[in-house]
Amino acid sequence: YDEKDKCTKAEAYAWIQDNVHIENDA
């Protein structure tokens, strides 16, 4: 439940390989 938007959302959590770099604006 997102308190900021006052709605339910889905949160997926994933494992990413150590040598993979993802920019924060991907």
mmCIF file of all heavy atoms, coordinates in Angstrom:
data_MODEL
# 
_entry.id   MODEL 
# 
loop_
_atom_site.group_PDB 
_atom_site.id 
_atom_site.type_symbol 
_atom_site.label_atom_id 
_atom_site.label_alt_id 
_atom_site.label_comp_id 
_atom_site.label_asym_id 
_atom_site.label_entity_id 
_atom_site.label_seq_id 
_atom_site.pdbx_PDB_ins_code 
_atom_site.Cartn_x 
_atom_site.Cartn_y 
_atom_site.Cartn_z 
_atom_site.occupancy 
_atom_site.B_iso_or_equiv 
_atom_site.pdbx_formal_charge 
_atom_site.auth_seq_id 
_atom_site.auth_comp_id 
_atom_site.auth_asym_id 
_atom_site.auth_atom_id 
_atom_site.pdbx_PDB_model_num 
ATOM 1   N N   . TYR A 1 1  ? 0.859  -1.181  0.000   1.00 0.00 ? 1  TYR A N   1 
ATOM 2   C CA  . TYR A 1 1  ? 0.000  0.000   0.000   1.00 0.00 ? 1  TYR A CA  1 
ATOM 3   C C   . TYR A 1 1  ? 0.893  1.228   0.000   1.00 0.00 ? 1  TYR A C   1 
ATOM 4   O O   . TYR A 1 1  ? 1.731  1.400   0.893   1.00 0.00 ? 1  TYR A O   1 
ATOM 5   C CB  . TYR A 1 1  ? -0.921 0.009   1.216   1.00 0.00 ? 1  TYR A CB  1 
ATOM 6   C CG  . TYR A 1 1  ? -1.905 1.160   1.179   1.00 0.00 ? 1  TYR A CG  1 
ATOM 7   C CD1 . TYR A 1 1  ? -3.002 1.120   0.332   1.00 0.00 ? 1  TYR A CD1 1 
ATOM 8   C CD2 . TYR A 1 1  ? -1.707 2.289   1.952   1.00 0.00 ? 1  TYR A CD2 1 
ATOM 9   C CE1 . TYR A 1 1  ? -3.890 2.168   0.261   1.00 0.00 ? 1  TYR A CE1 1 
ATOM 10  C CE2 . TYR A 1 1  ? -2.594 3.355   1.893   1.00 0.00 ? 1  TYR A CE2 1 
ATOM 11  C CZ  . TYR A 1 1  ? -3.691 3.290   1.048   1.00 0.00 ? 1  TYR A CZ  1 
ATOM 12  O OH  . TYR A 1 1  ? -4.558 4.340   0.973   1.00 0.00 ? 1  TYR A OH  1 
ATOM 13  N N   . ASP A 1 2  ? 0.755  2.066   -1.014  1.00 0.00 ? 2  ASP A N   1 
ATOM 14  C CA  . ASP A 1 2  ? 1.553  3.274   -1.145  1.00 0.00 ? 2  ASP A CA  1 
ATOM 15  C C   . ASP A 1 2  ? 0.861  4.411   -0.401  1.00 0.00 ? 2  ASP A C   1 
ATOM 16  O O   . ASP A 1 2  ? -0.186 4.888   -0.831  1.00 0.00 ? 2  ASP A O   1 
ATOM 17  C CB  . ASP A 1 2  ? 1.728  3.623   -2.622  1.00 0.00 ? 2  ASP A CB  1 
ATOM 18  C CG  . ASP A 1 2  ? 2.710  4.755   -2.858  1.00 0.00 ? 2  ASP A CG  1 
ATOM 19  O OD1 . ASP A 1 2  ? 3.190  5.356   -1.878  1.00 0.00 ? 2  ASP A OD1 1 
ATOM 20  O OD2 . ASP A 1 2  ? 2.990  5.038   -4.035  1.00 0.00 ? 2  ASP A OD2 1 
ATOM 21  N N   . GLU A 1 3  ? 1.436  4.811   0.722   1.00 0.00 ? 3  GLU A N   1 
ATOM 22  C CA  . GLU A 1 3  ? 0.860  5.882   1.547   1.00 0.00 ? 3  GLU A CA  1 
ATOM 23  C C   . GLU A 1 3  ? 0.828  7.207   0.797   1.00 0.00 ? 3  GLU A C   1 
ATOM 24  O O   . GLU A 1 3  ? -0.089 8.004   0.972   1.00 0.00 ? 3  GLU A O   1 
ATOM 25  C CB  . GLU A 1 3  ? 1.655  6.036   2.854   1.00 0.00 ? 3  GLU A CB  1 
ATOM 26  C CG  . GLU A 1 3  ? 1.500  4.873   3.807   1.00 0.00 ? 3  GLU A CG  1 
ATOM 27  C CD  . GLU A 1 3  ? 0.108  4.778   4.411   1.00 0.00 ? 3  GLU A CD  1 
ATOM 28  O OE1 . GLU A 1 3  ? -0.610 5.793   4.484   1.00 0.00 ? 3  GLU A OE1 1 
ATOM 29  O OE2 . GLU A 1 3  ? -0.274 3.655   4.792   1.00 0.00 ? 3  GLU A OE2 1 
ATOM 30  N N   . LYS A 1 4  ? 1.840  7.449   -0.035  1.00 0.00 ? 4  LYS A N   1 
ATOM 31  C CA  . LYS A 1 4  ? 1.929  8.713   -0.770  1.00 0.00 ? 4  LYS A CA  1 
ATOM 32  C C   . LYS A 1 4  ? 0.784  8.856   -1.774  1.00 0.00 ? 4  LYS A C   1 
ATOM 33  O O   . LYS A 1 4  ? 0.128  9.884   -1.834  1.00 0.00 ? 4  LYS A O   1 
ATOM 34  C CB  . LYS A 1 4  ? 3.277  8.788   -1.480  1.00 0.00 ? 4  LYS A CB  1 
ATOM 35  C CG  . LYS A 1 4  ? 3.506  10.046  -2.271  1.00 0.00 ? 4  LYS A CG  1 
ATOM 36  C CD  . LYS A 1 4  ? 4.860  9.999   -2.957  1.00 0.00 ? 4  LYS A CD  1 
ATOM 37  C CE  . LYS A 1 4  ? 4.873  10.974  -4.106  1.00 0.00 ? 4  LYS A CE  1 
ATOM 38  N NZ  . LYS A 1 4  ? 5.919  10.680  -5.065  1.00 0.00 ? 4  LYS A NZ  1 
ATOM 39  N N   . ASP A 1 5  ? 0.557  7.813   -2.562  1.00 0.00 ? 5  ASP A N   1 
ATOM 40  C CA  . ASP A 1 5  ? -0.494 7.844   -3.594  1.00 0.00 ? 5  ASP A CA  1 
ATOM 41  C C   . ASP A 1 5  ? -1.841 7.330   -3.088  1.00 0.00 ? 5  ASP A C   1 
ATOM 42  O O   . ASP A 1 5  ? -2.833 7.388   -3.809  1.00 0.00 ? 5  ASP A O   1 
ATOM 43  C CB  . ASP A 1 5  ? -0.064 7.020   -4.807  1.00 0.00 ? 5  ASP A CB  1 
ATOM 44  C CG  . ASP A 1 5  ? 1.106  7.641   -5.544  1.00 0.00 ? 5  ASP A CG  1 
ATOM 45  O OD1 . ASP A 1 5  ? 1.349  8.844   -5.368  1.00 0.00 ? 5  ASP A OD1 1 
ATOM 46  O OD2 . ASP A 1 5  ? 1.784  6.905   -6.296  1.00 0.00 ? 5  ASP A OD2 1 
ATOM 47  N N   . LYS A 1 6  ? -1.861 6.767   -1.891  1.00 0.00 ? 6  LYS A N   1 
ATOM 48  C CA  . LYS A 1 6  ? -3.081 6.212   -1.282  1.00 0.00 ? 6  LYS A CA  1 
ATOM 49  C C   . LYS A 1 6  ? -3.711 5.141   -2.164  1.00 0.00 ? 6  LYS A C   1 
ATOM 50  O O   . LYS A 1 6  ? -4.910 5.143   -2.428  1.00 0.00 ? 6  LYS A O   1 
ATOM 51  C CB  . LYS A 1 6  ? -4.107 7.325   -0.996  1.00 0.00 ? 6  LYS A CB  1 
ATOM 52  C CG  . LYS A 1 6  ? -3.603 8.430   -0.105  1.00 0.00 ? 6  LYS A CG  1 
ATOM 53  C CD  . LYS A 1 6  ? -3.564 7.979   1.318   1.00 0.00 ? 6  LYS A CD  1 
ATOM 54  C CE  . LYS A 1 6  ? -3.218 9.151   2.228   1.00 0.00 ? 6  LYS A CE  1 
ATOM 55  N NZ  . LYS A 1 6  ? -2.286 8.813   3.253   1.00 0.00 ? 6  LYS A NZ  1 
ATOM 56  N N   . CYS A 1 7  ? -2.889 4.201   -2.631  1.00 0.00 ? 7  CYS A N   1 
ATOM 57  C CA  . CYS A 1 7  ? -3.410 3.104   -3.447  1.00 0.00 ? 7  CYS A CA  1 
ATOM 58  C C   . CYS A 1 7  ? -2.513 1.874   -3.305  1.00 0.00 ? 7  CYS A C   1 
ATOM 59  O O   . CYS A 1 7  ? -1.372 1.965   -2.870  1.00 0.00 ? 7  CYS A O   1 
ATOM 60  C CB  . CYS A 1 7  ? -3.533 3.508   -4.912  1.00 0.00 ? 7  CYS A CB  1 
ATOM 61  S SG  . CYS A 1 7  ? -1.981 3.839   -5.713  1.00 0.00 ? 7  CYS A SG  1 
ATOM 62  N N   . THR A 1 8  ? -3.054 0.741   -3.709  1.00 0.00 ? 8  THR A N   1 
ATOM 63  C CA  . THR A 1 8  ? -2.321 -0.519  -3.673  1.00 0.00 ? 8  THR A CA  1 
ATOM 64  C C   . THR A 1 8  ? -1.495 -0.655  -4.944  1.00 0.00 ? 8  THR A C   1 
ATOM 65  O O   . THR A 1 8  ? -1.971 -0.349  -6.035  1.00 0.00 ? 8  THR A O   1 
ATOM 66  C CB  . THR A 1 8  ? -3.299 -1.694  -3.550  1.00 0.00 ? 8  THR A CB  1 
ATOM 67  O OG1 . THR A 1 8  ? -4.057 -1.526  -2.352  1.00 0.00 ? 8  THR A OG1 1 
ATOM 68  C CG2 . THR A 1 8  ? -2.575 -3.017  -3.506  1.00 0.00 ? 8  THR A CG2 1 
ATOM 69  N N   . LYS A 1 9  ? -0.270 -1.129  -4.791  1.00 0.00 ? 9  LYS A N   1 
ATOM 70  C CA  . LYS A 1 9  ? 0.623  -1.333  -5.930  1.00 0.00 ? 9  LYS A CA  1 
ATOM 71  C C   . LYS A 1 9  ? 1.278  -2.704  -5.808  1.00 0.00 ? 9  LYS A C   1 
ATOM 72  O O   . LYS A 1 9  ? 1.202  -3.345  -4.771  1.00 0.00 ? 9  LYS A O   1 
ATOM 73  C CB  . LYS A 1 9  ? 1.693  -0.240  -5.963  1.00 0.00 ? 9  LYS A CB  1 
ATOM 74  C CG  . LYS A 1 9  ? 1.117  1.134   -6.205  1.00 0.00 ? 9  LYS A CG  1 
ATOM 75  C CD  . LYS A 1 9  ? 2.176  2.168   -6.417  1.00 0.00 ? 9  LYS A CD  1 
ATOM 76  C CE  . LYS A 1 9  ? 1.501  3.494   -6.731  1.00 0.00 ? 9  LYS A CE  1 
ATOM 77  N NZ  . LYS A 1 9  ? 2.421  4.487   -7.173  1.00 0.00 ? 9  LYS A NZ  1 
ATOM 78  N N   . ALA A 1 10 ? 1.917  -3.121  -6.878  1.00 0.00 ? 10 ALA A N   1 
ATOM 79  C CA  . ALA A 1 10 ? 2.644  -4.387  -6.888  1.00 0.00 ? 10 ALA A CA  1 
ATOM 80  C C   . ALA A 1 10 ? 4.135  -4.087  -6.807  1.00 0.00 ? 10 ALA A C   1 
ATOM 81  O O   . ALA A 1 10 ? 4.635  -3.218  -7.519  1.00 0.00 ? 10 ALA A O   1 
ATOM 82  C CB  . ALA A 1 10 ? 2.332  -5.165  -8.158  1.00 0.00 ? 10 ALA A CB  1 
ATOM 83  N N   . GLU A 1 11 ? 4.818  -4.827  -5.937  1.00 0.00 ? 11 GLU A N   1 
ATOM 84  C CA  . GLU A 1 11 ? 6.262  -4.671  -5.797  1.00 0.00 ? 11 GLU A CA  1 
ATOM 85  C C   . GLU A 1 11 ? 6.920  -5.994  -6.166  1.00 0.00 ? 11 GLU A C   1 
ATOM 86  O O   . GLU A 1 11 ? 6.690  -7.012  -5.529  1.00 0.00 ? 11 GLU A O   1 
ATOM 87  C CB  . GLU A 1 11 ? 6.622  -4.291  -4.363  1.00 0.00 ? 11 GLU A CB  1 
ATOM 88  C CG  . GLU A 1 11 ? 8.120  -4.172  -4.136  1.00 0.00 ? 11 GLU A CG  1 
ATOM 89  C CD  . GLU A 1 11 ? 8.454  -3.932  -2.673  1.00 0.00 ? 11 GLU A CD  1 
ATOM 90  O OE1 . GLU A 1 11 ? 8.276  -4.873  -1.863  1.00 0.00 ? 11 GLU A OE1 1 
ATOM 91  O OE2 . GLU A 1 11 ? 8.859  -2.815  -2.354  1.00 0.00 ? 11 GLU A OE2 1 
ATOM 92  N N   . ALA A 1 12 ? 7.721  -5.948  -7.214  1.00 0.00 ? 12 ALA A N   1 
ATOM 93  C CA  . ALA A 1 12 ? 8.491  -7.128  -7.614  1.00 0.00 ? 12 ALA A CA  1 
ATOM 94  C C   . ALA A 1 12 ? 9.921  -6.912  -7.149  1.00 0.00 ? 12 ALA A C   1 
ATOM 95  O O   . ALA A 1 12 ? 10.457 -5.821  -7.299  1.00 0.00 ? 12 ALA A O   1 
ATOM 96  C CB  . ALA A 1 12 ? 8.446  -7.294  -9.128  1.00 0.00 ? 12 ALA A CB  1 
ATOM 97  N N   . TYR A 1 13 ? 10.500 -7.926  -6.550  1.00 0.00 ? 13 TYR A N   1 
ATOM 98  C CA  . TYR A 1 13 ? 11.907 -7.818  -6.173  1.00 0.00 ? 13 TYR A CA  1 
ATOM 99  C C   . TYR A 1 13 ? 12.669 -8.878  -6.930  1.00 0.00 ? 13 TYR A C   1 
ATOM 100 O O   . TYR A 1 13 ? 12.243 -10.016 -7.065  1.00 0.00 ? 13 TYR A O   1 
ATOM 101 C CB  . TYR A 1 13 ? 12.123 -7.880  -4.660  1.00 0.00 ? 13 TYR A CB  1 
ATOM 102 C CG  . TYR A 1 13 ? 11.372 -8.950  -3.935  1.00 0.00 ? 13 TYR A CG  1 
ATOM 103 C CD1 . TYR A 1 13 ? 11.982 -10.150 -3.604  1.00 0.00 ? 13 TYR A CD1 1 
ATOM 104 C CD2 . TYR A 1 13 ? 10.043 -8.767  -3.566  1.00 0.00 ? 13 TYR A CD2 1 
ATOM 105 C CE1 . TYR A 1 13 ? 11.292 -11.133 -2.926  1.00 0.00 ? 13 TYR A CE1 1 
ATOM 106 C CE2 . TYR A 1 13 ? 9.340  -9.757  -2.898  1.00 0.00 ? 13 TYR A CE2 1 
ATOM 107 C CZ  . TYR A 1 13 ? 9.971  -10.931 -2.582  1.00 0.00 ? 13 TYR A CZ  1 
ATOM 108 O OH  . TYR A 1 13 ? 9.283  -11.912 -1.932  1.00 0.00 ? 13 TYR A OH  1 
ATOM 109 N N   . ALA A 1 14 ? 13.803 -8.433  -7.473  1.00 0.00 ? 14 ALA A N   1 
ATOM 110 C CA  . ALA A 1 14 ? 14.552 -9.289  -8.377  1.00 0.00 ? 14 ALA A CA  1 
ATOM 111 C C   . ALA A 1 14 ? 16.018 -9.347  -7.991  1.00 0.00 ? 14 ALA A C   1 
ATOM 112 O O   . ALA A 1 14 ? 16.569 -8.394  -7.442  1.00 0.00 ? 14 ALA A O   1 
ATOM 113 C CB  . ALA A 1 14 ? 14.419 -8.779  -9.813  1.00 0.00 ? 14 ALA A CB  1 
ATOM 114 N N   . TRP A 1 15 ? 16.625 -10.466 -8.305  1.00 0.00 ? 15 TRP A N   1 
ATOM 115 C CA  . TRP A 1 15 ? 18.060 -10.638 -8.147  1.00 0.00 ? 15 TRP A CA  1 
ATOM 116 C C   . TRP A 1 15 ? 18.697 -10.301 -9.483  1.00 0.00 ? 15 TRP A C   1 
ATOM 117 O O   . TRP A 1 15 ? 18.266 -10.769 -10.535 1.00 0.00 ? 15 TRP A O   1 
ATOM 118 C CB  . TRP A 1 15 ? 18.380 -12.079 -7.751  1.00 0.00 ? 15 TRP A CB  1 
ATOM 119 C CG  . TRP A 1 15 ? 19.837 -12.362 -7.730  1.00 0.00 ? 15 TRP A CG  1 
ATOM 120 C CD1 . TRP A 1 15 ? 20.706 -12.125 -6.710  1.00 0.00 ? 15 TRP A CD1 1 
ATOM 121 C CD2 . TRP A 1 15 ? 20.616 -12.937 -8.788  1.00 0.00 ? 15 TRP A CD2 1 
ATOM 122 N NE1 . TRP A 1 15 ? 21.968 -12.500 -7.065  1.00 0.00 ? 15 TRP A NE1 1 
ATOM 123 C CE2 . TRP A 1 15 ? 21.936 -13.003 -8.336  1.00 0.00 ? 15 TRP A CE2 1 
ATOM 124 C CE3 . TRP A 1 15 ? 20.311 -13.385 -10.062 1.00 0.00 ? 15 TRP A CE3 1 
ATOM 125 C CZ2 . TRP A 1 15 ? 22.960 -13.504 -9.120  1.00 0.00 ? 15 TRP A CZ2 1 
ATOM 126 C CZ3 . TRP A 1 15 ? 21.329 -13.883 -10.834 1.00 0.00 ? 15 TRP A CZ3 1 
ATOM 127 C CH2 . TRP A 1 15 ? 22.636 -13.955 -10.367 1.00 0.00 ? 15 TRP A CH2 1 
ATOM 128 N N   . ILE A 1 16 ? 19.730 -9.448  -9.437  1.00 0.00 ? 16 ILE A N   1 
ATOM 129 C CA  . ILE A 1 16 ? 20.449 -9.016  -10.633 1.00 0.00 ? 16 ILE A CA  1 
ATOM 130 C C   . ILE A 1 16 ? 21.897 -9.492  -10.514 1.00 0.00 ? 16 ILE A C   1 
ATOM 131 O O   . ILE A 1 16 ? 22.506 -9.370  -9.452  1.00 0.00 ? 16 ILE A O   1 
ATOM 132 C CB  . ILE A 1 16 ? 20.414 -7.476  -10.782 1.00 0.00 ? 16 ILE A CB  1 
ATOM 133 C CG1 . ILE A 1 16 ? 18.973 -6.948  -10.739 1.00 0.00 ? 16 ILE A CG1 1 
ATOM 134 C CG2 . ILE A 1 16 ? 21.135 -7.031  -12.048 1.00 0.00 ? 16 ILE A CG2 1 
ATOM 135 C CD1 . ILE A 1 16 ? 18.088 -7.402  -11.872 1.00 0.00 ? 16 ILE A CD1 1 
ATOM 136 N N   . GLN A 1 17 ? 22.451 -10.000 -11.612 1.00 0.00 ? 17 GLN A N   1 
ATOM 137 C CA  . GLN A 1 17 ? 23.837 -10.478 -11.618 1.00 0.00 ? 17 GLN A CA  1 
ATOM 138 C C   . GLN A 1 17 ? 24.795 -9.364  -11.207 1.00 0.00 ? 17 GLN A C   1 
ATOM 139 O O   . GLN A 1 17 ? 24.563 -8.192  -11.512 1.00 0.00 ? 17 GLN A O   1 
ATOM 140 C CB  . GLN A 1 17 ? 24.223 -10.984 -13.009 1.00 0.00 ? 17 GLN A CB  1 
ATOM 141 C CG  . GLN A 1 17 ? 23.436 -12.175 -13.463 1.00 0.00 ? 17 GLN A CG  1 
ATOM 142 C CD  . GLN A 1 17 ? 23.688 -12.503 -14.927 1.00 0.00 ? 17 GLN A CD  1 
ATOM 143 O OE1 . GLN A 1 17 ? 24.557 -11.940 -15.566 1.00 0.00 ? 17 GLN A OE1 1 
ATOM 144 N NE2 . GLN A 1 17 ? 22.898 -13.429 -15.464 1.00 0.00 ? 17 GLN A NE2 1 
ATOM 145 N N   . ASP A 1 18 ? 25.860 -9.757  -10.547 1.00 0.00 ? 18 ASP A N   1 
ATOM 146 C CA  . ASP A 1 18 ? 26.820 -8.808  -9.996  1.00 0.00 ? 18 ASP A CA  1 
ATOM 147 C C   . ASP A 1 18 ? 27.466 -7.917  -11.054 1.00 0.00 ? 18 ASP A C   1 
ATOM 148 O O   . ASP A 1 18 ? 27.741 -6.755  -10.820 1.00 0.00 ? 18 ASP A O   1 
ATOM 149 C CB  . ASP A 1 18 ? 27.903 -9.571  -9.219  1.00 0.00 ? 18 ASP A CB  1 
ATOM 150 C CG  . ASP A 1 18 ? 28.626 -8.696  -8.228  1.00 0.00 ? 18 ASP A CG  1 
ATOM 151 O OD1 . ASP A 1 18 ? 28.029 -7.712  -7.755  1.00 0.00 ? 18 ASP A OD1 1 
ATOM 152 O OD2 . ASP A 1 18 ? 29.792 -8.995  -7.917  1.00 0.00 ? 18 ASP A OD2 1 
ATOM 153 N N   . ASN A 1 19 ? 27.710 -8.447  -12.241 1.00 0.00 ? 19 ASN A N   1 
ATOM 154 C CA  . ASN A 1 19 ? 28.404 -7.680  -13.274 1.00 0.00 ? 19 ASN A CA  1 
ATOM 155 C C   . ASN A 1 19 ? 27.460 -6.827  -14.130 1.00 0.00 ? 19 ASN A C   1 
ATOM 156 O O   . ASN A 1 19 ? 27.892 -6.225  -15.109 1.00 0.00 ? 19 ASN A O   1 
ATOM 157 C CB  . ASN A 1 19 ? 29.206 -8.629  -14.175 1.00 0.00 ? 19 ASN A CB  1 
ATOM 158 C CG  . ASN A 1 19 ? 28.316 -9.646  -14.855 1.00 0.00 ? 19 ASN A CG  1 
ATOM 159 O OD1 . ASN A 1 19 ? 27.171 -9.860  -14.468 1.00 0.00 ? 19 ASN A OD1 1 
ATOM 160 N ND2 . ASN A 1 19 ? 28.838 -10.299 -15.873 1.00 0.00 ? 19 ASN A ND2 1 
ATOM 161 N N   . VAL A 1 20 ? 26.180 -6.738  -13.782 1.00 0.00 ? 20 VAL A N   1 
ATOM 162 C CA  . VAL A 1 20 ? 25.196 -5.961  -14.536 1.00 0.00 ? 20 VAL A CA  1 
ATOM 163 C C   . VAL A 1 20 ? 24.979 -4.630  -13.832 1.00 0.00 ? 20 VAL A C   1 
ATOM 164 O O   . VAL A 1 20 ? 24.690 -4.594  -12.640 1.00 0.00 ? 20 VAL A O   1 
ATOM 165 C CB  . VAL A 1 20 ? 23.861 -6.737  -14.655 1.00 0.00 ? 20 VAL A CB  1 
ATOM 166 C CG1 . VAL A 1 20 ? 22.800 -5.882  -15.291 1.00 0.00 ? 20 VAL A CG1 1 
ATOM 167 C CG2 . VAL A 1 20 ? 24.072 -8.022  -15.433 1.00 0.00 ? 20 VAL A CG2 1 
ATOM 168 N N   . HIS A 1 21 ? 25.110 -3.546  -14.592 1.00 0.00 ? 21 HIS A N   1 
ATOM 169 C CA  . HIS A 1 21 ? 24.940 -2.205  -14.031 1.00 0.00 ? 21 HIS A CA  1 
ATOM 170 C C   . HIS A 1 21 ? 23.718 -1.552  -14.675 1.00 0.00 ? 21 HIS A C   1 
ATOM 171 O O   . HIS A 1 21 ? 23.630 -1.460  -15.899 1.00 0.00 ? 21 HIS A O   1 
ATOM 172 C CB  . HIS A 1 21 ? 26.177 -1.358  -14.278 1.00 0.00 ? 21 HIS A CB  1 
ATOM 173 C CG  . HIS A 1 21 ? 27.418 -1.974  -13.705 1.00 0.00 ? 21 HIS A CG  1 
ATOM 174 N ND1 . HIS A 1 21 ? 27.636 -2.097  -12.357 1.00 0.00 ? 21 HIS A ND1 1 
ATOM 175 C CD2 . HIS A 1 21 ? 28.504 -2.528  -14.310 1.00 0.00 ? 21 HIS A CD2 1 
ATOM 176 C CE1 . HIS A 1 21 ? 28.803 -2.676  -12.143 1.00 0.00 ? 21 HIS A CE1 1 
ATOM 177 N NE2 . HIS A 1 21 ? 29.339 -2.974  -13.314 1.00 0.00 ? 21 HIS A NE2 1 
ATOM 178 N N   . ILE A 1 22 ? 22.791 -1.090  -13.841 1.00 0.00 ? 22 ILE A N   1 
ATOM 179 C CA  . ILE A 1 22 ? 21.548 -0.480  -14.308 1.00 0.00 ? 22 ILE A CA  1 
ATOM 180 C C   . ILE A 1 22 ? 21.548 0.987   -13.878 1.00 0.00 ? 22 ILE A C   1 
ATOM 181 O O   . ILE A 1 22 ? 21.676 1.285   -12.690 1.00 0.00 ? 22 ILE A O   1 
ATOM 182 C CB  . ILE A 1 22 ? 20.323 -1.202  -13.719 1.00 0.00 ? 22 ILE A CB  1 
ATOM 183 C CG1 . ILE A 1 22 ? 20.366 -2.685  -14.061 1.00 0.00 ? 22 ILE A CG1 1 
ATOM 184 C CG2 . ILE A 1 22 ? 19.036 -0.553  -14.202 1.00 0.00 ? 22 ILE A CG2 1 
ATOM 185 C CD1 . ILE A 1 22 ? 19.342 -3.521  -13.317 1.00 0.00 ? 22 ILE A CD1 1 
ATOM 186 N N   . GLU A 1 23 ? 21.407 1.889   -14.853 1.00 0.00 ? 23 GLU A N   1 
ATOM 187 C CA  . GLU A 1 23 ? 21.352 3.309   -14.538 1.00 0.00 ? 23 GLU A CA  1 
ATOM 188 C C   . GLU A 1 23 ? 20.078 3.616   -13.767 1.00 0.00 ? 23 GLU A C   1 
ATOM 189 O O   . GLU A 1 23 ? 19.050 2.972   -13.962 1.00 0.00 ? 23 GLU A O   1 
ATOM 190 C CB  . GLU A 1 23 ? 21.400 4.152   -15.825 1.00 0.00 ? 23 GLU A CB  1 
ATOM 191 C CG  . GLU A 1 23 ? 22.697 4.040   -16.601 1.00 0.00 ? 23 GLU A CG  1 
ATOM 192 C CD  . GLU A 1 23 ? 22.744 2.858   -17.548 1.00 0.00 ? 23 GLU A CD  1 
ATOM 193 O OE1 . GLU A 1 23 ? 21.750 2.097   -17.621 1.00 0.00 ? 23 GLU A OE1 1 
ATOM 194 O OE2 . GLU A 1 23 ? 23.785 2.676   -18.205 1.00 0.00 ? 23 GLU A OE2 1 
ATOM 195 N N   . ASN A 1 24 ? 20.124 4.644   -12.913 1.00 0.00 ? 24 ASN A N   1 
ATOM 196 C CA  . ASN A 1 24 ? 18.955 4.938   -12.072 1.00 0.00 ? 24 ASN A CA  1 
ATOM 197 C C   . ASN A 1 24 ? 17.799 5.556   -12.844 1.00 0.00 ? 24 ASN A C   1 
ATOM 198 O O   . ASN A 1 24 ? 16.711 5.702   -12.300 1.00 0.00 ? 24 ASN A O   1 
ATOM 199 C CB  . ASN A 1 24 ? 19.344 5.807   -10.875 1.00 0.00 ? 24 ASN A CB  1 
ATOM 200 C CG  . ASN A 1 24 ? 19.814 7.186   -11.267 1.00 0.00 ? 24 ASN A CG  1 
ATOM 201 O OD1 . ASN A 1 24 ? 19.866 7.533   -12.447 1.00 0.00 ? 24 ASN A OD1 1 
ATOM 202 N ND2 . ASN A 1 24 ? 20.185 7.974   -10.285 1.00 0.00 ? 24 ASN A ND2 1 
ATOM 203 N N   . ASP A 1 25 ? 17.980 5.918   -14.124 1.00 0.00 ? 25 ASP A N   1 
ATOM 204 C CA  . ASP A 1 25 ? 16.865 6.425   -14.931 1.00 0.00 ? 25 ASP A CA  1 
ATOM 205 C C   . ASP A 1 25 ? 16.423 5.417   -15.991 1.00 0.00 ? 25 ASP A C   1 
ATOM 206 O O   . ASP A 1 25 ? 15.753 5.765   -16.962 1.00 0.00 ? 25 ASP A O   1 
ATOM 207 C CB  . ASP A 1 25 ? 17.231 7.763   -15.583 1.00 0.00 ? 25 ASP A CB  1 
ATOM 208 C CG  . ASP A 1 25 ? 18.336 7.641   -16.612 1.00 0.00 ? 25 ASP A CG  1 
ATOM 209 O OD1 . ASP A 1 25 ? 19.092 6.648   -16.580 1.00 0.00 ? 25 ASP A OD1 1 
ATOM 210 O OD2 . ASP A 1 25 ? 18.456 8.552   -17.455 1.00 0.00 ? 25 ASP A OD2 1 
ATOM 211 N N   . ALA A 1 26 ? 16.789 4.147   -15.790 1.00 0.00 ? 26 ALA A N   1 
ATOM 212 C CA  . ALA A 1 26 ? 16.389 3.088   -16.725 1.00 0.00 ? 26 ALA A CA  1 
ATOM 213 C C   . ALA A 1 26 ? 14.865 2.953   -16.722 1.00 0.00 ? 26 ALA A C   1 
ATOM 214 O O   . ALA A 1 26 ? 14.201 3.260   -15.736 1.00 0.00 ? 26 ALA A O   1 
ATOM 215 C CB  . ALA A 1 26 ? 17.030 1.763   -16.334 1.00 0.00 ? 26 ALA A CB  1 
# 
